[in-house]
Protein backbone atom coordinates (compact mmCIF):
# COMPACT_ATOMS: atom_id res chain seq x y z
CA MET A 1 65.95 -2.94 -74.49
CA ARG A 2 64.08 0.07 -75.68
CA VAL A 3 63.18 2.72 -73.49
CA VAL A 4 61.06 5.72 -73.99
CA VAL A 5 61.36 8.44 -71.12
CA VAL A 6 58.49 11.27 -71.41
CA SER A 7 59.85 14.48 -69.39
CA PRO A 8 60.36 18.18 -69.86
CA THR A 9 63.43 17.99 -67.38
CA TYR A 10 65.45 16.34 -70.52
CA LEU A 11 65.17 19.29 -72.66
CA ASP A 12 68.38 20.76 -70.68
CA PRO A 13 71.35 18.39 -71.87
CA ALA A 14 72.85 19.03 -68.44
CA ASN A 15 69.94 16.72 -67.13
CA ARG A 16 70.56 13.75 -69.40
CA GLY A 17 73.20 12.17 -67.32
CA LYS A 18 71.13 8.75 -66.03
CA LEU A 19 69.63 8.47 -69.69
CA ARG A 20 73.53 8.63 -71.20
CA ALA A 21 74.28 5.94 -68.68
CA LEU A 22 71.20 4.06 -69.42
CA ALA A 23 72.27 4.02 -73.22
CA ALA A 24 76.06 3.19 -72.12
CA LEU A 25 74.55 -0.23 -70.66
CA GLY A 26 73.27 -1.12 -74.25
CA CYS A 27 69.90 0.13 -74.01
CA THR A 28 67.97 2.11 -76.99
CA VAL A 29 66.88 5.33 -75.28
CA SER A 30 64.56 8.04 -76.61
CA ALA A 31 63.73 11.09 -74.68
CA ALA A 32 60.30 12.55 -75.70
CA VAL A 33 60.81 16.47 -74.50
CA PRO A 34 58.66 19.46 -75.26
CA ALA A 35 59.27 21.35 -78.47
CA ARG A 36 59.33 24.48 -76.87
CA TRP A 37 58.93 24.93 -73.08
CA SER A 38 59.84 27.14 -70.17
CA PRO A 39 60.44 25.71 -66.78
CA ARG A 40 59.23 29.17 -64.95
CA ALA A 41 56.42 31.25 -66.11
CA ARG A 42 58.68 34.21 -67.10
CA GLY A 43 61.84 32.39 -68.13
CA PRO A 44 63.19 32.02 -71.58
CA LEU A 45 61.48 29.31 -73.68
CA LEU A 46 63.97 26.65 -74.70
CA SER A 47 63.44 24.74 -77.81
CA ALA A 48 64.33 20.87 -78.66
CA GLN A 49 66.05 19.60 -81.66
CA TRP A 50 65.55 16.13 -83.26
CA GLY A 51 69.17 14.53 -82.83
CA THR A 52 71.17 12.02 -80.72
CA ASP A 53 73.04 13.14 -77.53
CA ALA A 54 75.47 10.26 -76.35
CA GLY A 55 73.27 7.44 -77.56
CA VAL A 56 69.97 8.93 -76.27
CA GLN A 57 67.70 10.26 -79.00
CA ILE A 58 65.93 13.25 -78.39
CA VAL A 59 62.45 13.26 -79.80
CA PRO A 60 60.55 17.19 -79.46
CA ILE A 61 56.90 16.73 -78.79
CA ARG A 62 54.69 19.26 -79.26
CA VAL A 63 52.65 20.69 -75.98
CA ALA A 64 49.15 22.28 -76.03
CA GLY A 65 48.25 25.68 -74.37
CA SER A 66 51.03 27.82 -73.03
CA PRO A 67 54.71 26.36 -73.23
CA ARG A 68 55.43 27.99 -69.82
CA GLY A 69 55.63 26.40 -66.37
CA ASP A 70 54.85 23.32 -64.98
CA GLY A 71 51.71 22.60 -66.35
CA VAL A 72 53.01 21.00 -69.57
CA ARG A 73 49.99 19.29 -71.43
CA TRP A 74 51.60 16.68 -74.19
CA ARG A 75 49.66 16.47 -77.57
CA ALA A 76 48.39 12.76 -77.13
CA ARG A 77 48.76 12.35 -80.96
CA ASP A 78 52.66 13.01 -81.34
CA LEU A 79 53.14 10.48 -78.07
CA ARG A 80 51.01 7.82 -79.65
CA THR A 81 53.03 8.32 -82.78
CA LEU A 82 56.54 7.91 -81.09
CA LEU A 83 55.04 4.81 -79.39
CA ARG A 84 53.70 3.04 -82.23
CA ASP A 85 57.08 3.88 -84.34
CA PHE A 86 59.51 3.07 -81.57
CA ARG A 87 57.74 0.18 -79.99
CA PRO A 88 59.56 0.42 -76.44
CA ASP A 89 59.84 -2.03 -74.08
CA VAL A 90 59.70 0.42 -71.10
CA ILE A 91 58.17 3.66 -70.89
CA LEU A 92 58.67 6.22 -68.02
CA ILE A 93 56.53 9.02 -67.51
CA GLU A 94 58.22 11.85 -65.46
CA ALA A 95 55.73 14.51 -66.16
CA GLU A 96 51.90 14.42 -65.98
């Protein structure tokens, strides 16, 4: 089963435990995370890199507007490209 999870939460590798567990069960998991994002308006910007983390494929997606705070606005074109290329069975969106 192929799974895509869209969430800024998984930009931090410490938060990927349940995704790693899902990958360990035999699922192919991709996490769409913001390419650059800060969880707080004045916090440091975190950057994502393409790669694999214990079976979880990390896919940086550009965000529109300010990359700071809770209001992440995903670039629709980048998300469509991910979904078209990966063809997931399940899509979990943990962000607006």
